[in-house]
Amino acid sequence: MKIMKANTAVALTDGAPHRIEKQREEWIAEDKKKANLDNVAKDTLYKILDKNTFSKIKMRKTAKEIWEKLIQLCEGNEQTKENTLSVAVQKFDNIKMKTGESINKFDERVSNIINELNAKGKVYSNKEVALKVVRELLKNGM
């Protein structure tokens, strides 16, 4: 982790001091605490990752860099997010009750899709969900 300090040898730019890395010998107790917290966070992240994901983040130096890479890996770029949202919307639009499926199982599948959509930022009103479920139940003679 880089602990920074103001560089007094360089003039201020836009009112903000130029910052340089503090040498380890210059660290005060608060700096050591920050560095230790970063190590604890990295250790926690390392412990929860599978080997494949770990191999993709192991070169990152700080917990923040690791976290940012994990976000990129898990969420993808904007195009990927849009695509996964479109797929989830299609799942909801095309959901059908399976032959012999209980109402509880069907409701569970609908709830899972709704939770997936909510996580991706798409929210359907309770009325829209209820209408979808009722229409599907009526098609199946319920």
C-alpha atoms as a PDB file:
ATOM      1  CA  MET A   1       0.000   0.000   0.000  1.00  0.00           C
ATOM      2  CA  LYS A   2       1.264   3.484  -0.802  1.00  0.00           C
ATOM      3  CA  ILE A   3       1.212   5.952   2.062  1.00  0.00           C
ATOM      4  CA  MET A   4       1.472   9.437   0.612  1.00  0.00           C
ATOM      5  CA  LYS A   5       2.699  12.788   1.897  1.00  0.00           C
ATOM      6  CA  ALA A   6       2.759  16.327   0.576  1.00  0.00           C
ATOM      7  CA  ASN A   7       5.852  17.197  -1.444  1.00  0.00           C
ATOM      8  CA  THR A   8       6.944  20.558  -0.093  1.00  0.00           C
ATOM      9  CA  ALA A   9       9.682  20.865  -2.728  1.00  0.00           C
ATOM     10  CA  VAL A  10       7.105  21.326  -5.509  1.00  0.00           C
ATOM     11  CA  ALA A  11       4.794  24.318  -5.832  1.00  0.00           C
ATOM     12  CA  LEU A  12       1.068  23.878  -5.245  1.00  0.00           C
ATOM     13  CA  THR A  13      -1.053  23.147  -8.317  1.00  0.00           C
ATOM     14  CA  ASP A  14      -4.689  24.210  -8.182  1.00  0.00           C
ATOM     15  CA  GLY A  15      -4.364  24.697  -4.434  1.00  0.00           C
ATOM     16  CA  ALA A  16      -3.574  21.011  -3.868  1.00  0.00           C
ATOM     17  CA  PRO A  17      -0.093  19.905  -2.844  1.00  0.00           C
ATOM     18  CA  HIS A  18       1.851  17.520  -5.044  1.00  0.00           C
ATOM     19  CA  ARG A  19       1.938  14.127  -3.302  1.00  0.00           C
ATOM     20  CA  ILE A  20       4.749  11.620  -3.127  1.00  0.00           C
ATOM     21  CA  GLU A  21       5.062   8.244  -1.465  1.00  0.00           C
ATOM     22  CA  LYS A  22       6.172   8.227   2.151  1.00  0.00           C
ATOM     23  CA  GLN A  23       9.106   5.970   2.912  1.00  0.00           C
ATOM     24  CA  ARG A  24       8.382   3.155   5.384  1.00  0.00           C
ATOM     25  CA  GLU A  25      10.802   4.712   7.898  1.00  0.00           C
ATOM     26  CA  GLU A  26       8.635   7.867   7.947  1.00  0.00           C
ATOM     27  CA  TRP A  27       5.396   6.061   8.770  1.00  0.00           C
ATOM     28  CA  ILE A  28       3.594   7.053  11.927  1.00  0.00           C
ATOM     29  CA  ALA A  29       1.208   4.810  13.902  1.00  0.00           C
ATOM     30  CA  GLU A  30      -1.780   5.858  11.771  1.00  0.00           C
ATOM     31  CA  ASP A  31       0.085   5.002   8.550  1.00  0.00           C
ATOM     32  CA  LYS A  32       0.964   1.571   9.919  1.00  0.00           C
ATOM     33  CA  LYS A  33      -2.673   1.014  10.872  1.00  0.00           C
ATOM     34  CA  LYS A  34      -3.819   1.906   7.333  1.00  0.00           C
ATOM     35  CA  ALA A  35      -1.289  -0.453   5.787  1.00  0.00           C
ATOM     36  CA  ASN A  36      -2.333  -3.237   8.151  1.00  0.00           C
ATOM     37  CA  LEU A  37      -6.015  -2.730   7.291  1.00  0.00           C
ATOM     38  CA  ASP A  38      -5.129  -3.053   3.628  1.00  0.00           C
ATOM     39  CA  ASN A  39      -3.321  -6.315   4.375  1.00  0.00           C
ATOM     40  CA  VAL A  40      -6.305  -7.625   6.353  1.00  0.00           C
ATOM     41  CA  ALA A  41      -8.652  -6.720   3.495  1.00  0.00           C
ATOM     42  CA  LYS A  42      -6.375  -8.399   0.925  1.00  0.00           C
ATOM     43  CA  ASP A  43      -6.103 -11.504   3.095  1.00  0.00           C
ATOM     44  CA  THR A  44      -9.891 -11.700   3.404  1.00  0.00           C
ATOM     45  CA  LEU A  45     -10.340 -11.348  -0.336  1.00  0.00           C
ATOM     46  CA  TYR A  46      -7.682 -13.977  -1.042  1.00  0.00           C
ATOM     47  CA  LYS A  47      -9.392 -16.475   1.271  1.00  0.00           C
ATOM     48  CA  ILE A  48     -12.788 -16.256  -0.407  1.00  0.00           C
ATOM     49  CA  LEU A  49     -11.616 -16.545  -4.004  1.00  0.00           C
ATOM     50  CA  ASP A  50     -11.357 -19.748  -5.994  1.00  0.00           C
ATOM     51  CA  LYS A  51      -8.045 -20.559  -7.728  1.00  0.00           C
ATOM     52  CA  ASN A  52      -9.232 -19.338 -11.114  1.00  0.00           C
ATOM     53  CA  THR A  53     -10.351 -15.922  -9.856  1.00  0.00           C
ATOM     54  CA  PHE A  54      -7.310 -15.599  -7.595  1.00  0.00           C
ATOM     55  CA  SER A  55      -5.030 -16.065 -10.583  1.00  0.00           C
ATOM     56  CA  LYS A  56      -6.702 -13.067 -12.230  1.00  0.00           C
ATOM     57  CA  ILE A  57      -6.174 -10.699  -9.283  1.00  0.00           C
ATOM     58  CA  LYS A  58      -2.936 -11.903  -7.679  1.00  0.00           C
ATOM     59  CA  MET A  59      -0.814  -9.201  -9.319  1.00  0.00           C
ATOM     60  CA  ARG A  60      -2.888  -6.375  -7.794  1.00  0.00           C
ATOM     61  CA  LYS A  61      -1.039  -4.558  -5.015  1.00  0.00           C
ATOM     62  CA  THR A  62      -3.838  -3.093  -2.858  1.00  0.00           C
ATOM     63  CA  ALA A  63      -7.223  -4.265  -1.633  1.00  0.00           C
ATOM     64  CA  LYS A  64      -8.794  -1.421  -3.623  1.00  0.00           C
ATOM     65  CA  GLU A  65      -7.126  -2.612  -6.853  1.00  0.00           C
ATOM     66  CA  ILE A  66      -8.259  -6.188  -6.128  1.00  0.00           C
ATOM     67  CA  TRP A  67     -11.817  -5.033  -5.469  1.00  0.00           C
ATOM     68  CA  GLU A  68     -11.939  -2.974  -8.663  1.00  0.00           C
ATOM     69  CA  LYS A  69     -10.701  -5.958 -10.700  1.00  0.00           C
ATOM     70  CA  LEU A  70     -13.307  -8.222  -9.071  1.00  0.00           C
ATOM     71  CA  ILE A  71     -16.049  -5.753  -9.969  1.00  0.00           C
ATOM     72  CA  GLN A  72     -14.799  -5.727 -13.551  1.00  0.00           C
ATOM     73  CA  LEU A  73     -14.664  -9.541 -13.661  1.00  0.00           C
ATOM     74  CA  CYS A  74     -18.067 -10.079 -12.064  1.00  0.00           C
ATOM     75  CA  GLU A  75     -20.102  -7.265 -13.532  1.00  0.00           C
ATOM     76  CA  GLY A  76     -18.356  -6.760 -16.840  1.00  0.00           C
ATOM     77  CA  ASN A  77     -18.451  -3.610 -18.879  1.00  0.00           C
ATOM     78  CA  GLU A  78     -21.590  -1.602 -19.696  1.00  0.00           C
ATOM     79  CA  GLN A  79     -22.336  -3.720 -22.780  1.00  0.00           C
ATOM     80  CA  THR A  80     -22.165  -6.917 -20.724  1.00  0.00           C
ATOM     81  CA  LYS A  81     -24.452  -5.411 -18.071  1.00  0.00           C
ATOM     82  CA  GLU A  82     -26.979  -4.418 -20.735  1.00  0.00           C
ATOM     83  CA  ASN A  83     -26.857  -7.896 -22.268  1.00  0.00           C
ATOM     84  CA  THR A  84     -27.381  -9.691 -18.969  1.00  0.00           C
ATOM     85  CA  LEU A  85     -30.274  -7.357 -18.138  1.00  0.00           C
ATOM     86  CA  SER A  86     -31.848  -8.080 -21.538  1.00  0.00           C
ATOM     87  CA  VAL A  87     -31.536 -11.826 -20.934  1.00  0.00           C
ATOM     88  CA  ALA A  88     -33.161 -11.490 -17.496  1.00  0.00           C
ATOM     89  CA  VAL A  89     -36.026  -9.413 -18.945  1.00  0.00           C
ATOM     90  CA  GLN A  90     -36.557 -12.082 -21.622  1.00  0.00           C
ATOM     91  CA  LYS A  91     -36.632 -14.770 -18.922  1.00  0.00           C
ATOM     92  CA  PHE A  92     -39.405 -12.862 -17.159  1.00  0.00           C
ATOM     93  CA  ASP A  93     -41.326 -12.129 -20.361  1.00  0.00           C
ATOM     94  CA  ASN A  94     -41.133 -15.753 -21.528  1.00  0.00           C
ATOM     95  CA  ILE A  95     -41.624 -17.591 -18.248  1.00  0.00           C
ATOM     96  CA  LYS A  96     -44.126 -20.416 -18.543  1.00  0.00           C
ATOM     97  CA  MET A  97     -45.466 -22.779 -15.969  1.00  0.00           C
ATOM     98  CA  LYS A  98     -44.082 -26.243 -16.654  1.00  0.00           C
ATOM     99  CA  THR A  99     -46.338 -29.261 -17.037  1.00  0.00           C
ATOM    100  CA  GLY A 100     -46.934 -30.759 -13.607  1.00  0.00           C
ATOM    101  CA  GLU A 101     -45.189 -27.876 -11.851  1.00  0.00           C
ATOM    102  CA  SER A 102     -46.676 -26.825  -8.517  1.00  0.00           C
ATOM    103  CA  ILE A 103     -47.753 -23.249  -7.935  1.00  0.00           C
ATOM    104  CA  ASN A 104     -45.095 -22.966  -5.232  1.00  0.00           C
ATOM    105  CA  LYS A 105     -42.307 -24.049  -7.606  1.00  0.00           C
ATOM    106  CA  PHE A 106     -43.554 -21.677 -10.307  1.00  0.00           C
ATOM    107  CA  ASP A 107     -43.722 -18.831  -7.774  1.00  0.00           C
ATOM    108  CA  GLU A 108     -40.168 -19.651  -6.660  1.00  0.00           C
ATOM    109  CA  ARG A 109     -38.899 -19.461 -10.261  1.00  0.00           C
ATOM    110  CA  VAL A 110     -40.690 -16.135 -10.796  1.00  0.00           C
ATOM    111  CA  SER A 111     -39.245 -14.773  -7.530  1.00  0.00           C
ATOM    112  CA  ASN A 112     -35.725 -15.799  -8.548  1.00  0.00           C
ATOM    113  CA  ILE A 113     -36.060 -13.958 -11.854  1.00  0.00           C
ATOM    114  CA  ILE A 114     -37.512 -10.881 -10.123  1.00  0.00           C
ATOM    115  CA  ASN A 115     -34.606 -10.891  -7.641  1.00  0.00           C
ATOM    116  CA  GLU A 116     -32.140 -11.159 -10.529  1.00  0.00           C
ATOM    117  CA  LEU A 117     -33.823  -8.237 -12.290  1.00  0.00           C
ATOM    118  CA  ASN A 118     -33.854  -6.133  -9.113  1.00  0.00           C
ATOM    119  CA  ALA A 119     -30.130  -6.777  -8.647  1.00  0.00           C
ATOM    120  CA  LYS A 120     -29.551  -5.505 -12.188  1.00  0.00           C
ATOM    121  CA  GLY A 121     -31.624  -2.361 -11.570  1.00  0.00           C
ATOM    122  CA  LYS A 122     -34.852  -3.402 -13.323  1.00  0.00           C
ATOM    123  CA  VAL A 123     -37.851  -3.206 -11.017  1.00  0.00           C
ATOM    124  CA  TYR A 124     -41.302  -4.504 -11.868  1.00  0.00           C
ATOM    125  CA  SER A 125     -44.234  -3.377  -9.744  1.00  0.00           C
ATOM    126  CA  ASN A 126     -46.068  -5.949  -7.641  1.00  0.00           C
ATOM    127  CA  LYS A 127     -49.043  -5.448  -9.953  1.00  0.00           C
ATOM    128  CA  GLU A 128     -47.004  -6.338 -13.061  1.00  0.00           C
ATOM    129  CA  VAL A 129     -45.612  -9.472 -11.415  1.00  0.00           C
ATOM    130  CA  ALA A 130     -49.014 -10.525 -10.091  1.00  0.00           C
ATOM    131  CA  LEU A 131     -50.606 -10.078 -13.528  1.00  0.00           C
ATOM    132  CA  LYS A 132     -47.873 -12.164 -15.138  1.00  0.00           C
ATOM    133  CA  VAL A 133     -48.344 -14.971 -12.604  1.00  0.00           C
ATOM    134  CA  VAL A 134     -52.156 -14.908 -12.802  1.00  0.00           C
ATOM    135  CA  ARG A 135     -52.105 -14.972 -16.622  1.00  0.00           C
ATOM    136  CA  GLU A 136     -49.811 -17.977 -16.575  1.00  0.00           C
ATOM    137  CA  LEU A 137     -51.929 -19.764 -13.967  1.00  0.00           C
ATOM    138  CA  LEU A 138     -55.064 -19.143 -16.033  1.00  0.00           C
ATOM    139  CA  LYS A 139     -53.379 -20.572 -19.146  1.00  0.00           C
ATOM    140  CA  ASN A 140     -52.711 -23.731 -17.166  1.00  0.00           C
ATOM    141  CA  GLY A 141     -56.299 -24.037 -15.913  1.00  0.00           C
ATOM    142  CA  MET A 142     -55.553 -23.127 -12.326  1.00  0.00           C
END
